[in-house]
Amino acid sequence: MLFNPSREQVRLFFCDAWRKHRERLPLAGADIAAAELAERHPEYHALLDDPKGALEQEWTPDGGQANPFLHLSLHLAIHEQLSIDQPPGIRAAFEHLARRLERHDAEHVLLEILAETIWHMQRHRKPFDAAAYIAEARRRAGLP
């Protein structure tokens, strides 16, 4: 995947990974994780099956709908963080959460914390605060 993709590139990336998965085409790299994430979100399948519609649709906070591509992108970020334990300690917090929740639900806890951290970063024009992110993940996981 690209390091600084446009909104359209992100949407097409997820649609394409889903298409390859459905057509049983070879998947590699981030496509594997994207297709697996899409598979776990059946509520997005119709959207992912319609790349043109995916490019045209808007999701705004005042519309009351969550952006499915933001949701999937945050899942993908969590997947990458866990695979390399970056920031350090994220994997331990996740594993602790996963002892009492389904793994997907544990991912959603981290996803919510990540989204809040990014929102705070953007609102206050500050860099990503990995220490605060990990501290909140540990707190929600019930770790000291």
Protein backbone atom coordinates (compact mmCIF):
# COMPACT_ATOMS: atom_id res chain seq x y z
CA MET A 1 0.00 0.00 0.00
CA LEU A 2 1.09 3.60 -0.47
CA PHE A 3 2.50 5.67 2.37
CA ASN A 4 0.34 8.72 1.71
CA PRO A 5 -2.59 7.50 -0.39
CA SER A 6 -5.42 9.71 -1.51
CA ARG A 7 -8.97 9.05 -0.37
CA GLU A 8 -9.71 7.49 -3.76
CA GLN A 9 -6.63 5.24 -3.63
CA VAL A 10 -7.62 3.93 -0.19
CA ARG A 11 -11.15 3.17 -1.31
CA LEU A 12 -10.00 1.45 -4.49
CA PHE A 13 -7.38 -0.51 -2.55
CA PHE A 14 -10.02 -2.05 -0.27
CA CYS A 15 -12.45 -2.65 -3.16
CA ASP A 16 -9.71 -4.30 -5.21
CA ALA A 17 -8.52 -6.50 -2.34
CA TRP A 18 -12.11 -7.61 -1.77
CA ARG A 19 -12.62 -8.31 -5.48
CA LYS A 20 -9.43 -10.42 -5.62
CA HIS A 21 -10.55 -12.33 -2.54
CA ARG A 22 -14.02 -13.05 -3.97
CA GLU A 23 -12.53 -14.12 -7.31
CA ARG A 24 -9.98 -16.30 -5.51
CA LEU A 25 -7.11 -14.43 -7.13
CA PRO A 26 -3.67 -14.38 -5.50
CA LEU A 27 -3.33 -11.88 -2.68
CA ALA A 28 -0.06 -10.45 -1.44
CA GLY A 29 1.12 -7.95 1.13
CA ALA A 30 -1.49 -5.59 2.52
CA ASP A 31 -4.14 -7.08 0.21
CA ILE A 32 -4.21 -10.17 2.43
CA ALA A 33 -5.01 -8.20 5.58
CA ALA A 34 -7.44 -5.89 3.73
CA ALA A 35 -9.41 -8.83 2.32
CA GLU A 36 -9.51 -10.56 5.71
CA LEU A 37 -10.75 -7.36 7.37
CA ALA A 38 -13.39 -6.90 4.68
CA GLU A 39 -14.53 -10.48 5.15
CA ARG A 40 -15.11 -9.79 8.86
CA HIS A 41 -17.34 -6.83 7.97
CA PRO A 42 -20.25 -8.19 5.89
CA GLU A 43 -22.06 -4.89 6.34
CA TYR A 44 -19.50 -3.39 3.91
CA HIS A 45 -19.61 -6.09 1.21
CA ALA A 46 -22.14 -4.36 -1.05
CA LEU A 47 -20.12 -1.15 -0.88
CA LEU A 48 -16.85 -2.95 -1.61
CA ASP A 49 -18.52 -4.66 -4.57
CA ASP A 50 -19.25 -1.22 -6.08
CA PRO A 51 -16.00 0.75 -6.52
CA LYS A 52 -17.73 3.52 -8.48
CA GLY A 53 -20.29 4.01 -5.73
CA ALA A 54 -17.56 3.80 -3.10
CA LEU A 55 -15.74 6.69 -4.75
CA GLU A 56 -18.88 8.83 -4.92
CA GLN A 57 -20.33 8.26 -1.46
CA GLU A 58 -19.68 10.65 1.41
CA TRP A 59 -19.87 9.94 5.11
CA THR A 60 -20.00 12.93 7.38
CA PRO A 61 -20.22 13.06 11.17
CA ASP A 62 -23.41 15.10 10.95
CA GLY A 63 -24.90 12.38 8.72
CA GLY A 64 -24.59 9.94 11.61
CA GLN A 65 -22.85 7.29 9.52
CA ALA A 66 -19.37 5.98 10.16
CA ASN A 67 -17.04 5.96 7.17
CA PRO A 68 -16.44 2.28 6.35
CA PHE A 69 -13.11 3.04 4.70
CA LEU A 70 -11.89 4.90 7.76
CA HIS A 71 -13.03 1.96 9.88
CA LEU A 72 -11.21 -0.57 7.68
CA SER A 73 -8.12 1.66 7.50
CA LEU A 74 -7.96 1.91 11.27
CA HIS A 75 -8.31 -1.88 11.50
CA LEU A 76 -5.43 -2.19 9.04
CA ALA A 77 -3.33 0.21 11.14
CA ILE A 78 -4.05 -1.88 14.25
CA HIS A 79 -3.14 -5.05 12.35
CA GLU A 80 0.22 -3.52 11.38
CA GLN A 81 0.86 -2.21 14.90
CA LEU A 82 0.23 -5.64 16.39
CA SER A 83 2.41 -7.41 13.83
CA ILE A 84 5.47 -5.37 14.85
CA ASP A 85 4.45 -4.37 18.40
CA GLN A 86 4.71 -0.72 17.52
CA PRO A 87 4.31 1.35 19.54
CA PRO A 88 5.95 -0.99 22.03
CA GLY A 89 3.42 -2.54 24.38
CA ILE A 90 0.44 -2.45 22.01
CA ARG A 91 0.58 -6.21 21.48
CA ALA A 92 0.57 -6.93 25.24
CA ALA A 93 -2.41 -4.63 25.75
CA PHE A 94 -4.25 -6.30 22.87
CA GLU A 95 -3.53 -9.82 24.11
CA HIS A 96 -4.84 -8.85 27.54
CA LEU A 97 -8.01 -7.45 25.98
CA ALA A 98 -8.38 -10.57 23.83
CA ARG A 99 -8.43 -12.75 26.95
CA ARG A 100 -11.81 -11.32 27.91
CA LEU A 101 -13.21 -10.22 24.53
CA GLU A 102 -13.46 -11.74 21.08
CA ARG A 103 -10.35 -10.77 19.11
CA HIS A 104 -12.37 -8.60 16.73
CA ASP A 105 -13.96 -6.79 19.68
CA ALA A 106 -10.52 -6.30 21.23
CA GLU A 107 -9.38 -4.77 17.94
CA HIS A 108 -12.35 -2.42 18.12
CA VAL A 109 -11.25 -1.22 21.55
CA LEU A 110 -7.81 -0.35 20.13
CA LEU A 111 -9.44 1.14 17.03
CA GLU A 112 -11.51 3.46 19.19
CA ILE A 113 -8.44 4.55 21.17
CA LEU A 114 -6.45 5.10 17.97
CA ALA A 115 -9.26 7.16 16.43
CA GLU A 116 -9.52 9.29 19.59
CA THR A 117 -5.74 9.79 19.65
CA ILE A 118 -5.67 10.84 16.00
CA TRP A 119 -8.64 13.17 16.50
CA HIS A 120 -6.89 14.81 19.47
CA MET A 121 -3.67 15.10 17.47
CA GLN A 122 -5.44 16.81 14.57
CA ARG A 123 -7.61 19.06 16.74
CA HIS A 124 -4.68 20.34 18.77
CA ARG A 125 -2.15 20.22 15.91
CA LYS A 126 0.23 18.07 17.89
CA PRO A 127 2.26 15.02 16.92
CA PHE A 128 0.96 11.53 17.60
CA ASP A 129 1.32 10.81 21.32
CA ALA A 130 2.34 7.15 21.40
CA ALA A 131 2.78 7.22 25.18
CA ALA A 132 -0.79 8.44 25.74
CA TYR A 133 -2.08 5.92 23.20
CA ILE A 134 -0.37 3.01 24.96
CA ALA A 135 -1.37 4.29 28.40
CA GLU A 136 -5.04 4.34 27.37
CA ALA A 137 -4.77 0.91 25.73
CA ARG A 138 -3.22 -0.49 28.92
CA ARG A 139 -5.88 1.20 31.06
CA ARG A 140 -8.75 -0.26 28.99
CA ALA A 141 -7.04 -3.65 29.04
CA GLY A 142 -6.88 -3.51 32.83
CA LEU A 143 -3.10 -3.41 32.95
CA PRO A 144 -1.07 -1.20 35.32
